[in-house]
Amino acid sequence: MSTRKLVVGVSAFSALALLVTGCGSGSGSGADKKTVTIWTGMDQPIIDGLKAKLAPRAKAQGLTVQWRRVDNINQLLVQKVQAGDAPDIALLPQPGIIKDLASKNKITPLDDVLDLPALRKSMTAGTLDVAKANGKTYGLMVSMNVKGLVFYPKKAFEQAGYSAPKTLDELNSLTAKIKADGKTPWCLGIESSTATGWPATDWLENLVLKYGGVDKYNQWVSHDIKFDSPLVRQAAAQFQKIAFTDGNVLGGRKSIASNAFGTAGNPMFQSKPGCYMYQQGSFITGMFPKNVQKNLDSEVGVFGLPPATAGGENPVEGGGDTASIYNDSPAARKVMKLLAATDLGSTAASNGSSFVSPHKDFPLTNYPLKTTQSIAKVAYDSTGFVFDGSDSMPTAVGTGTFWKDMTAWISGEESLDAALKNIDASWPAG
């Protein structure tokens, strides 16, 4: 669950307001440094798995690595950078902060630290670019999560003869087939307390990505393509076809805004499934009913939202934790190289944690669950990877109007025209 949307924290932009340009980063010479500190907000089982693999390799080079799990790491790290007391390495879930700190010369570029050509062959397409600024690479993704996944009740789905669609049109046909069989195709909920609306933004982001591809998606995230544009309207029309059509969603359109995202998919697992598909991120399996979690491989199936055209570009959206050097030294550089190893996550993957490696040459057999293997394969087979759009947009939009106006549109309080125009109007000037 390493995504800002699930816990409303300090955003990249408000956190960066704490940073005073010109403050020291506490780099020092570090020529004789033997202990390297790593900060992260990742779940403890993932940290334990990475630590188990990293520690002996660091020890072989005469180094000790001290890990620290930090809550609200975005804010605290920026404060520490400001005070000149940054850790040697930190893993952030927000690439926007990394890019901004890089623009202030607070982070060490990794172009001369890592073997980037080799990593580009090893890693999922696009993951090396999430923390790129001014042509230089400032971060290395270590742990990945995958979005735009469609989960289904495996036994009932297969018994009914349904199969994963290969295009969005086939997804629509599958939706119609399930409904024609007298069943409800989809579960859908976007309620998340003060963060209500974020699951709806994930839907729109994934569809913009499928229709527009990586380049146009990134142009949209930077507002070079407006919300009120043909591309975004095309994505909204597809979402509307799924979510607003009578009989498509359990509880109907009127229930979506008040249905909690964490439990919205649970009716899939009733003896008579209340729905047959639920779109969410890879973390959602940890929120399924306990009896389902215990038998995940037999109870749950998953496929990625399909491409717009068969055999066409099929990028995925996701997130992850990205390592950067904040306190440069030969020791920190050595540890960063160790963090780049393909097999770094083999213990984390095997210990039952939610870890997914960003390395596409990471053996699927390292994941003990077939469900996790399927999730990872969606990313590894993709044609590109993009970071969550609303997490990358200015705060006023990403966790503001985008959430709010998607919710208002879905609940029928405002038209799509009004929602798109409101979001565009909220984009900060400059």
Protein backbone atom coordinates (compact mmCIF):
# COMPACT_ATOMS: atom_id res chain seq x y z
CA MET A 1 0.00 0.00 0.00
CA SER A 2 2.84 2.37 -0.74
CA THR A 3 0.78 5.04 -2.40
CA ARG A 4 0.05 8.48 -1.09
CA LYS A 5 -3.60 8.14 -2.03
CA LEU A 6 -4.27 5.63 0.70
CA VAL A 7 -3.06 7.88 3.49
CA VAL A 8 -3.53 11.60 3.10
CA GLY A 9 -0.09 12.87 4.05
CA VAL A 10 2.04 15.86 3.28
CA SER A 11 2.29 16.25 -0.46
CA ALA A 12 5.41 16.71 -2.48
CA PHE A 13 4.69 20.38 -2.95
CA SER A 14 3.78 21.30 0.61
CA ALA A 15 6.76 19.32 1.89
CA LEU A 16 9.09 21.03 -0.51
CA ALA A 17 7.91 24.38 0.76
CA LEU A 18 9.94 23.52 3.84
CA LEU A 19 13.13 23.35 1.83
CA VAL A 20 15.26 26.46 1.77
CA THR A 21 17.40 26.69 -1.33
CA GLY A 22 21.08 26.78 -0.44
CA CYS A 23 20.87 24.69 2.73
CA GLY A 24 23.59 22.08 3.15
CA SER A 25 22.80 18.46 2.53
CA GLY A 26 25.23 17.13 5.10
CA SER A 27 27.26 15.37 2.45
CA GLY A 28 30.76 15.84 3.88
CA SER A 29 33.74 13.98 2.43
CA GLY A 30 32.74 10.57 3.77
CA ALA A 31 36.00 9.06 2.51
CA ASP A 32 36.34 6.72 5.49
CA LYS A 33 32.64 6.12 6.11
CA LYS A 34 31.85 2.49 7.04
CA THR A 35 28.18 2.75 8.05
CA VAL A 36 25.47 3.68 5.56
CA THR A 37 22.01 4.76 6.71
CA ILE A 38 18.89 3.96 4.66
CA TRP A 39 15.48 5.46 5.40
CA THR A 40 12.25 4.10 3.97
CA GLY A 41 8.51 4.05 4.57
CA MET A 42 8.10 0.53 3.17
CA ASP A 43 6.34 -2.19 5.16
CA GLN A 44 8.55 -3.93 7.71
CA PRO A 45 8.38 -7.42 6.09
CA ILE A 46 9.78 -5.92 2.87
CA ILE A 47 12.54 -4.11 4.77
CA ASP A 48 13.43 -7.32 6.61
CA GLY A 49 13.67 -9.22 3.32
CA LEU A 50 15.85 -6.59 1.63
CA LYS A 51 18.03 -6.30 4.73
CA ALA A 52 18.62 -10.05 4.79
CA LYS A 53 19.97 -9.95 1.24
CA LEU A 54 21.87 -6.67 1.48
CA ALA A 55 23.65 -7.03 4.83
CA PRO A 56 26.08 -9.84 3.96
CA ARG A 57 26.97 -8.24 0.64
CA ALA A 58 27.69 -4.91 2.33
CA LYS A 59 29.68 -6.68 5.06
CA ALA A 60 31.85 -8.31 2.38
CA GLN A 61 32.83 -4.77 1.36
CA GLY A 62 33.55 -3.72 4.94
CA LEU A 63 30.27 -1.81 5.28
CA THR A 64 27.36 -1.86 7.71
CA VAL A 65 23.88 -0.76 6.58
CA GLN A 66 21.47 0.69 9.13
CA TRP A 67 17.83 0.69 8.02
CA ARG A 68 15.22 2.96 9.57
CA ARG A 69 11.51 2.74 8.87
CA VAL A 70 10.07 6.28 8.84
CA ASP A 71 6.43 7.31 8.86
CA ASN A 72 5.58 10.30 6.66
CA ILE A 73 9.02 10.01 5.09
CA ASN A 74 8.33 12.68 2.45
CA GLN A 75 8.01 15.45 5.02
CA LEU A 76 10.71 14.28 7.40
CA LEU A 77 13.31 13.76 4.69
CA VAL A 78 12.81 17.25 3.29
CA GLN A 79 13.18 18.70 6.80
CA LYS A 80 16.38 16.73 7.32
CA VAL A 81 17.80 17.84 3.99
CA GLN A 82 17.02 21.42 5.02
CA ALA A 83 18.85 20.91 8.31
CA GLY A 84 21.87 19.32 6.63
CA ASP A 85 21.18 16.06 8.43
CA ALA A 86 19.95 13.78 5.67
CA PRO A 87 20.45 10.00 5.68
CA ASP A 88 22.92 8.58 3.20
CA ILE A 89 20.18 6.90 1.13
CA ALA A 90 16.39 7.18 1.27
CA LEU A 91 13.63 5.41 -0.62
CA LEU A 92 10.75 7.71 -1.48
CA PRO A 93 7.32 6.87 -2.92
CA GLN A 94 7.13 10.37 -4.47
CA PRO A 95 9.34 10.96 -7.53
CA GLY A 96 8.19 14.57 -7.64
CA ILE A 97 10.13 15.30 -4.45
CA ILE A 98 13.22 13.57 -5.86
CA LYS A 99 13.08 15.69 -9.01
CA ASP A 100 12.63 18.90 -7.06
CA LEU A 101 15.50 18.13 -4.69
CA ALA A 102 17.62 17.24 -7.72
CA SER A 103 16.88 20.68 -9.20
CA LYS A 104 18.26 22.16 -5.97
CA ASN A 105 21.40 19.99 -6.20
CA LYS A 106 20.48 18.09 -3.03
CA ILE A 107 20.73 14.60 -4.56
CA THR A 108 23.61 12.81 -6.25
CA PRO A 109 23.04 11.84 -9.91
CA LEU A 110 23.43 8.11 -10.44
CA ASP A 111 24.62 8.12 -14.05
CA ASP A 112 28.22 7.47 -12.97
CA VAL A 113 27.22 5.27 -10.03
CA LEU A 114 25.05 2.61 -11.70
CA ASP A 115 25.39 0.62 -14.91
CA LEU A 116 22.34 2.25 -16.48
CA PRO A 117 22.53 0.43 -19.87
CA ALA A 118 22.48 -2.92 -18.07
CA LEU A 119 19.69 -1.79 -15.77
CA ARG A 120 17.62 -0.60 -18.72
CA LYS A 121 17.70 -4.16 -20.06
CA SER A 122 16.92 -5.63 -16.66
CA MET A 123 14.16 -3.36 -15.39
CA THR A 124 10.54 -2.95 -16.36
CA ALA A 125 10.29 -0.45 -19.21
CA GLY A 126 10.02 3.10 -17.87
CA THR A 127 10.89 2.45 -14.23
CA LEU A 128 14.37 3.95 -14.61
CA ASP A 129 12.81 7.18 -15.84
CA VAL A 130 10.51 7.94 -12.90
CA ALA A 131 13.19 10.02 -11.13
CA LYS A 132 14.88 11.55 -14.15
CA ALA A 133 15.50 15.30 -14.26
CA ASN A 134 17.43 17.42 -16.75
CA GLY A 135 18.60 14.31 -18.56
CA LYS A 136 20.13 12.72 -15.46
CA THR A 137 18.96 9.78 -13.34
CA TYR A 138 18.49 10.53 -9.65
CA GLY A 139 16.66 7.47 -8.39
CA LEU A 140 16.54 3.69 -8.61
CA MET A 141 13.21 1.97 -8.06
CA VAL A 142 13.66 -0.88 -5.60
CA SER A 143 10.09 -1.97 -4.91
CA MET A 144 7.12 -1.64 -7.27
CA ASN A 145 3.35 -1.74 -7.03
CA VAL A 146 1.09 -2.28 -10.01
CA LYS A 147 -2.23 -0.58 -10.73
CA GLY A 148 -4.97 -1.07 -13.29
CA LEU A 149 -5.49 -4.70 -12.25
CA VAL A 150 -8.84 -6.44 -12.57
CA PHE A 151 -9.45 -9.04 -9.86
CA TYR A 152 -12.14 -11.70 -10.16
CA PRO A 153 -13.56 -14.67 -8.20
CA LYS A 154 -11.52 -17.39 -9.87
CA LYS A 155 -13.79 -20.41 -9.45
CA ALA A 156 -17.06 -18.75 -10.42
CA PHE A 157 -15.42 -16.78 -13.26
CA GLU A 158 -13.89 -19.87 -14.82
CA GLN A 159 -16.95 -22.05 -14.24
CA ALA A 160 -19.00 -19.50 -16.19
CA GLY A 161 -16.54 -19.81 -19.08
CA TYR A 162 -15.27 -16.23 -18.88
CA SER A 163 -11.71 -15.35 -19.90
CA ALA A 164 -9.43 -12.32 -19.71
CA PRO A 165 -10.13 -9.79 -22.48
CA LYS A 166 -7.37 -8.74 -24.88
CA THR A 167 -8.73 -5.26 -25.70
CA LEU A 168 -10.95 -2.66 -24.08
CA ASP A 169 -13.69 -3.54 -26.57
CA GLU A 170 -13.44 -7.15 -25.43
CA LEU A 171 -13.70 -5.91 -21.83
CA ASN A 172 -16.95 -4.21 -22.79
CA SER A 173 -18.15 -7.41 -24.46
CA LEU A 174 -17.29 -9.42 -21.34
CA THR A 175 -19.18 -6.90 -19.21
CA ALA A 176 -22.24 -7.28 -21.47
CA LYS A 177 -21.96 -11.09 -21.44
CA ILE A 178 -21.88 -11.29 -17.65
CA LYS A 179 -24.91 -9.02 -17.47
CA ALA A 180 -26.74 -11.03 -20.13
CA ASP A 181 -26.14 -14.11 -17.97
CA GLY A 182 -28.17 -12.43 -15.24
CA LYS A 183 -25.16 -11.48 -13.12
CA THR A 184 -23.57 -8.18 -12.06
CA PRO A 185 -20.27 -7.54 -13.87
CA TRP A 186 -18.55 -4.99 -11.64
CA CYS A 187 -17.99 -3.94 -8.07
CA LEU A 188 -16.93 -0.31 -7.73
CA GLY A 189 -16.29 1.92 -4.73
CA ILE A 190 -14.38 5.19 -4.40
CA GLU A 191 -15.04 6.13 -0.76
CA SER A 192 -11.85 6.61 1.26
CA SER A 193 -12.65 8.99 4.13
CA THR A 194 -10.93 12.34 3.48
CA ALA A 195 -9.32 10.84 0.35
CA THR A 196 -12.61 9.90 -1.30
CA GLY A 197 -12.31 9.96 -5.07
CA TRP A 198 -8.79 8.62 -5.54
CA PRO A 199 -9.95 5.22 -6.89
CA ALA A 200 -11.87 7.10 -9.58
CA THR A 201 -8.73 9.00 -10.58
CA ASP A 202 -6.95 5.65 -10.96
CA TRP A 203 -9.65 4.51 -13.37
CA LEU A 204 -9.31 7.66 -15.48
CA GLU A 205 -5.51 7.60 -15.38
CA ASN A 206 -5.35 4.01 -16.56
CA LEU A 207 -7.74 4.67 -19.43
CA VAL A 208 -5.88 7.83 -20.50
CA LEU A 209 -2.73 5.69 -20.51
CA LYS A 210 -4.30 2.89 -22.56
CA TYR A 211 -5.74 5.27 -25.18
CA GLY A 212 -2.93 7.82 -25.30
CA GLY A 213 0.24 5.88 -24.50
CA VAL A 214 3.10 6.95 -22.26
CA ASP A 215 4.01 10.21 -24.02
CA LYS A 216 0.49 11.65 -24.09
CA TYR A 217 -0.14 10.44 -20.56
CA ASN A 218 2.92 12.36 -19.36
CA GLN A 219 1.82 15.43 -21.31
CA TRP A 220 -1.52 15.22 -19.54
CA VAL A 221 0.10 14.84 -16.12
CA SER A 222 2.14 18.01 -16.82
CA HIS A 223 -1.02 19.75 -18.17
CA ASP A 224 0.35 20.14 -21.67
CA ILE A 225 -2.78 18.17 -22.54
CA LYS A 226 -5.82 19.56 -20.71
CA PHE A 227 -8.44 17.62 -18.81
CA ASP A 228 -10.98 19.12 -21.19
CA SER A 229 -9.46 17.38 -24.21
CA PRO A 230 -10.50 14.63 -26.65
CA LEU A 231 -8.13 12.12 -25.02
CA VAL A 232 -9.47 12.58 -21.49
CA ARG A 233 -13.04 12.64 -22.78
CA GLN A 234 -12.41 9.34 -24.57
CA ALA A 235 -11.16 7.83 -21.31
CA ALA A 236 -14.10 9.28 -19.37
CA ALA A 237 -16.54 7.85 -21.92
CA GLN A 238 -15.11 4.36 -21.44
CA PHE A 239 -15.33 4.68 -17.66
CA GLN A 240 -18.89 5.98 -17.96
CA LYS A 241 -19.84 3.02 -20.16
CA ILE A 242 -18.67 0.64 -17.43
CA ALA A 243 -19.78 2.54 -14.33
CA PHE A 244 -22.98 4.33 -15.29
CA THR A 245 -24.76 1.73 -17.44
CA ASP A 246 -27.71 0.19 -15.61
CA GLY A 247 -26.95 -3.26 -14.28
CA ASN A 248 -23.17 -3.01 -14.69
CA VAL A 249 -22.24 -2.11 -11.11
CA LEU A 250 -23.41 -3.71 -7.87
CA GLY A 251 -25.61 -1.11 -6.16
CA GLY A 252 -25.72 1.06 -9.27
CA ARG A 253 -24.09 4.38 -10.01
CA LYS A 254 -25.64 5.96 -6.94
CA SER A 255 -23.68 3.64 -4.62
CA ILE A 256 -20.18 4.22 -6.02
CA ALA A 257 -19.24 7.39 -4.13
CA SER A 258 -20.31 5.97 -0.74
CA ASN A 259 -18.93 2.44 -1.23
CA ALA A 260 -15.60 2.05 0.61
CA PHE A 261 -12.86 1.01 -1.81
CA GLY A 262 -11.24 -1.38 0.69
CA THR A 263 -14.30 -3.62 0.95
CA ALA A 264 -16.03 -2.83 -2.35
CA GLY A 265 -14.64 -5.96 -4.01
CA ASN A 266 -15.59 -8.36 -1.22
CA PRO A 267 -19.01 -9.32 -2.67
CA MET A 268 -17.06 -11.17 -5.39
CA PHE A 269 -16.31 -13.87 -2.84
CA GLN A 270 -19.82 -14.64 -1.66
CA SER A 271 -21.16 -18.13 -2.42
CA LYS A 272 -23.16 -16.47 -5.19
CA PRO A 273 -20.81 -13.67 -6.36
CA GLY A 274 -22.28 -10.20 -6.05
CA CYS A 275 -20.00 -9.12 -8.90
CA TYR A 276 -17.35 -10.65 -11.14
CA MET A 277 -14.71 -7.93 -11.59
CA TYR A 278 -13.04 -5.30 -9.41
CA GLN A 279 -10.34 -2.91 -10.64
CA GLN A 280 -7.66 -1.91 -8.13
CA GLY A 281 -3.94 -1.88 -7.33
CA SER A 282 -1.81 -4.84 -6.29
CA PHE A 283 -2.10 -3.97 -2.58
CA ILE A 284 -5.86 -4.69 -2.51
CA THR A 285 -5.33 -8.43 -1.96
CA GLY A 286 -4.27 -7.56 1.59
CA MET A 287 -7.74 -6.07 2.15
CA PHE A 288 -9.74 -9.04 0.88
CA PRO A 289 -11.58 -11.19 3.48
CA LYS A 290 -9.20 -13.21 5.67
CA ASN A 291 -10.46 -16.57 4.35
CA VAL A 292 -9.77 -15.35 0.80
CA GLN A 293 -6.26 -14.17 1.72
CA LYS A 294 -5.50 -17.59 3.17
CA ASN A 295 -6.40 -19.25 -0.15
CA LEU A 296 -5.53 -16.46 -2.55
CA ASP A 297 -4.40 -18.62 -5.46
CA SER A 298 -7.55 -20.73 -5.48
CA GLU A 299 -9.96 -17.87 -4.80
CA VAL A 300 -8.59 -14.93 -6.81
CA GLY A 301 -7.78 -14.42 -10.46
CA VAL A 302 -6.32 -11.26 -11.96
CA PHE A 303 -5.63 -9.65 -15.33
CA GLY A 304 -4.41 -6.20 -16.31
CA LEU A 305 -6.70 -3.67 -17.95
CA PRO A 306 -6.18 -4.55 -21.61
CA PRO A 307 -4.82 -2.26 -24.34
CA ALA A 308 -7.02 -0.18 -26.63
CA THR A 309 -6.07 -2.32 -29.63
CA ALA A 310 -5.03 -5.98 -29.83
CA GLY A 311 -1.27 -6.32 -29.91
CA GLY A 312 -0.83 -2.57 -29.53
CA GLU A 313 1.07 -0.55 -26.94
CA ASN A 314 0.11 -1.75 -23.48
CA PRO A 315 1.73 0.39 -20.76
CA VAL A 316 0.90 0.07 -17.06
CA GLU A 317 0.49 2.53 -14.23
CA GLY A 318 1.94 1.97 -10.81
CA GLY A 319 4.05 3.30 -8.01
CA GLY A 320 7.02 2.27 -5.99
CA ASP A 321 9.82 3.17 -3.64
CA THR A 322 12.81 4.83 -5.28
CA ALA A 323 16.29 5.01 -3.75
CA SER A 324 18.47 8.11 -4.04
CA ILE A 325 21.74 9.25 -2.48
CA TYR A 326 21.25 12.28 -0.20
CA ASN A 327 24.61 12.16 1.57
CA ASP A 328 27.26 11.31 -1.00
CA SER A 329 30.24 9.11 -0.14
CA PRO A 330 32.10 6.15 -1.66
CA ALA A 331 30.29 3.91 0.84
CA ALA A 332 26.85 5.21 -0.16
CA ARG A 333 27.71 4.63 -3.82
CA LYS A 334 28.75 1.05 -3.11
CA VAL A 335 25.48 0.37 -1.31
CA MET A 336 23.48 1.96 -4.13
CA LYS A 337 25.16 -0.48 -6.54
CA LEU A 338 24.13 -3.35 -4.27
CA LEU A 339 20.54 -2.07 -4.25
CA ALA A 340 20.53 -2.41 -8.05
CA ALA A 341 21.03 -6.18 -8.03
CA THR A 342 18.22 -8.12 -9.71
CA ASP A 343 18.08 -10.68 -6.91
CA LEU A 344 18.01 -8.11 -4.09
CA GLY A 345 14.32 -8.79 -3.50
CA SER A 346 14.38 -12.59 -3.63
CA THR A 347 14.03 -12.96 0.16
CA ALA A 348 11.44 -10.17 0.40
CA ALA A 349 9.41 -11.84 -2.33
CA SER A 350 9.55 -15.26 -0.70
CA ASN A 351 8.63 -14.19 2.83
CA GLY A 352 4.97 -13.56 2.06
CA SER A 353 5.29 -9.76 1.86
CA SER A 354 3.65 -7.61 -0.80
CA PHE A 355 6.99 -7.01 -2.52
CA VAL A 356 7.11 -6.87 -6.32
CA SER A 357 10.49 -6.38 -7.97
CA PRO A 358 10.81 -3.77 -10.74
CA HIS A 359 13.29 -6.07 -12.52
CA LYS A 360 11.55 -7.88 -15.37
CA ASP A 361 14.29 -10.55 -15.29
CA PHE A 362 13.41 -11.28 -11.66
CA PRO A 363 12.29 -14.95 -11.76
CA LEU A 364 8.53 -15.28 -11.28
CA THR A 365 9.21 -18.44 -9.30
CA ASN A 366 10.61 -16.23 -6.52
CA TYR A 367 7.02 -15.27 -5.74
CA PRO A 368 5.39 -18.08 -3.75
CA LEU A 369 1.87 -17.14 -4.87
CA LYS A 370 0.59 -17.55 -8.41
CA THR A 371 -1.49 -14.41 -7.85
CA THR A 372 1.65 -12.35 -7.22
CA GLN A 373 3.31 -13.94 -10.23
CA SER A 374 0.36 -12.86 -12.39
CA ILE A 375 0.50 -9.32 -11.02
CA ALA A 376 4.24 -9.06 -11.66
CA LYS A 377 3.82 -10.47 -15.16
CA VAL A 378 1.35 -7.70 -16.04
CA ALA A 379 4.15 -5.20 -15.34
CA TYR A 380 6.98 -7.23 -16.87
CA ASP A 381 5.04 -7.79 -20.12
CA SER A 382 4.05 -4.12 -20.40
CA THR A 383 5.41 -1.77 -23.04
CA GLY A 384 6.04 1.00 -20.52
CA PHE A 385 5.56 2.08 -16.90
CA VAL A 386 4.21 5.41 -15.67
CA PHE A 387 3.89 6.75 -12.16
CA ASP A 388 0.48 7.41 -10.69
CA GLY A 389 -0.81 10.58 -12.34
CA SER A 390 -2.56 12.35 -9.50
CA ASP A 391 0.45 11.64 -7.25
CA SER A 392 2.55 13.52 -9.79
CA MET A 393 0.22 16.51 -10.32
CA PRO A 394 0.25 19.69 -8.21
CA THR A 395 -1.45 19.19 -4.85
CA ALA A 396 -4.34 21.52 -5.69
CA VAL A 397 -5.24 19.17 -8.51
CA GLY A 398 -3.88 15.71 -7.67
CA THR A 399 -5.35 15.44 -4.18
CA GLY A 400 -7.78 18.32 -4.63
CA THR A 401 -10.05 18.99 -7.57
CA PHE A 402 -9.25 15.72 -9.37
CA TRP A 403 -10.58 13.72 -6.40
CA LYS A 404 -13.43 16.12 -5.67
CA ASP A 405 -14.76 16.66 -9.18
CA MET A 406 -14.50 12.99 -10.19
CA THR A 407 -16.61 12.22 -7.13
CA ALA A 408 -19.11 14.95 -7.99
CA TRP A 409 -19.41 13.67 -11.58
CA ILE A 410 -19.85 10.05 -10.54
CA SER A 411 -22.46 10.92 -7.92
CA GLY A 412 -24.38 13.02 -10.47
CA GLU A 413 -23.80 16.32 -8.71
CA GLU A 414 -22.11 17.87 -11.74
CA SER A 415 -21.66 17.14 -15.43
CA LEU A 416 -18.49 15.82 -17.01
CA ASP A 417 -18.13 19.18 -18.78
CA ALA A 418 -18.17 21.02 -15.46
CA ALA A 419 -15.80 18.54 -13.80
CA LEU A 420 -13.15 18.79 -16.53
CA LYS A 421 -13.36 22.58 -16.69
CA ASN A 422 -13.14 22.88 -12.89
CA ILE A 423 -10.03 20.72 -12.73
CA ASP A 424 -8.32 22.67 -15.53
CA ALA A 425 -9.20 25.96 -13.82
CA SER A 426 -7.61 24.76 -10.56
CA TRP A 427 -4.21 24.10 -12.14
CA PRO A 428 -1.62 26.43 -10.53
CA ALA A 429 -0.33 29.19 -12.77
CA GLY A 430 3.28 29.29 -13.81
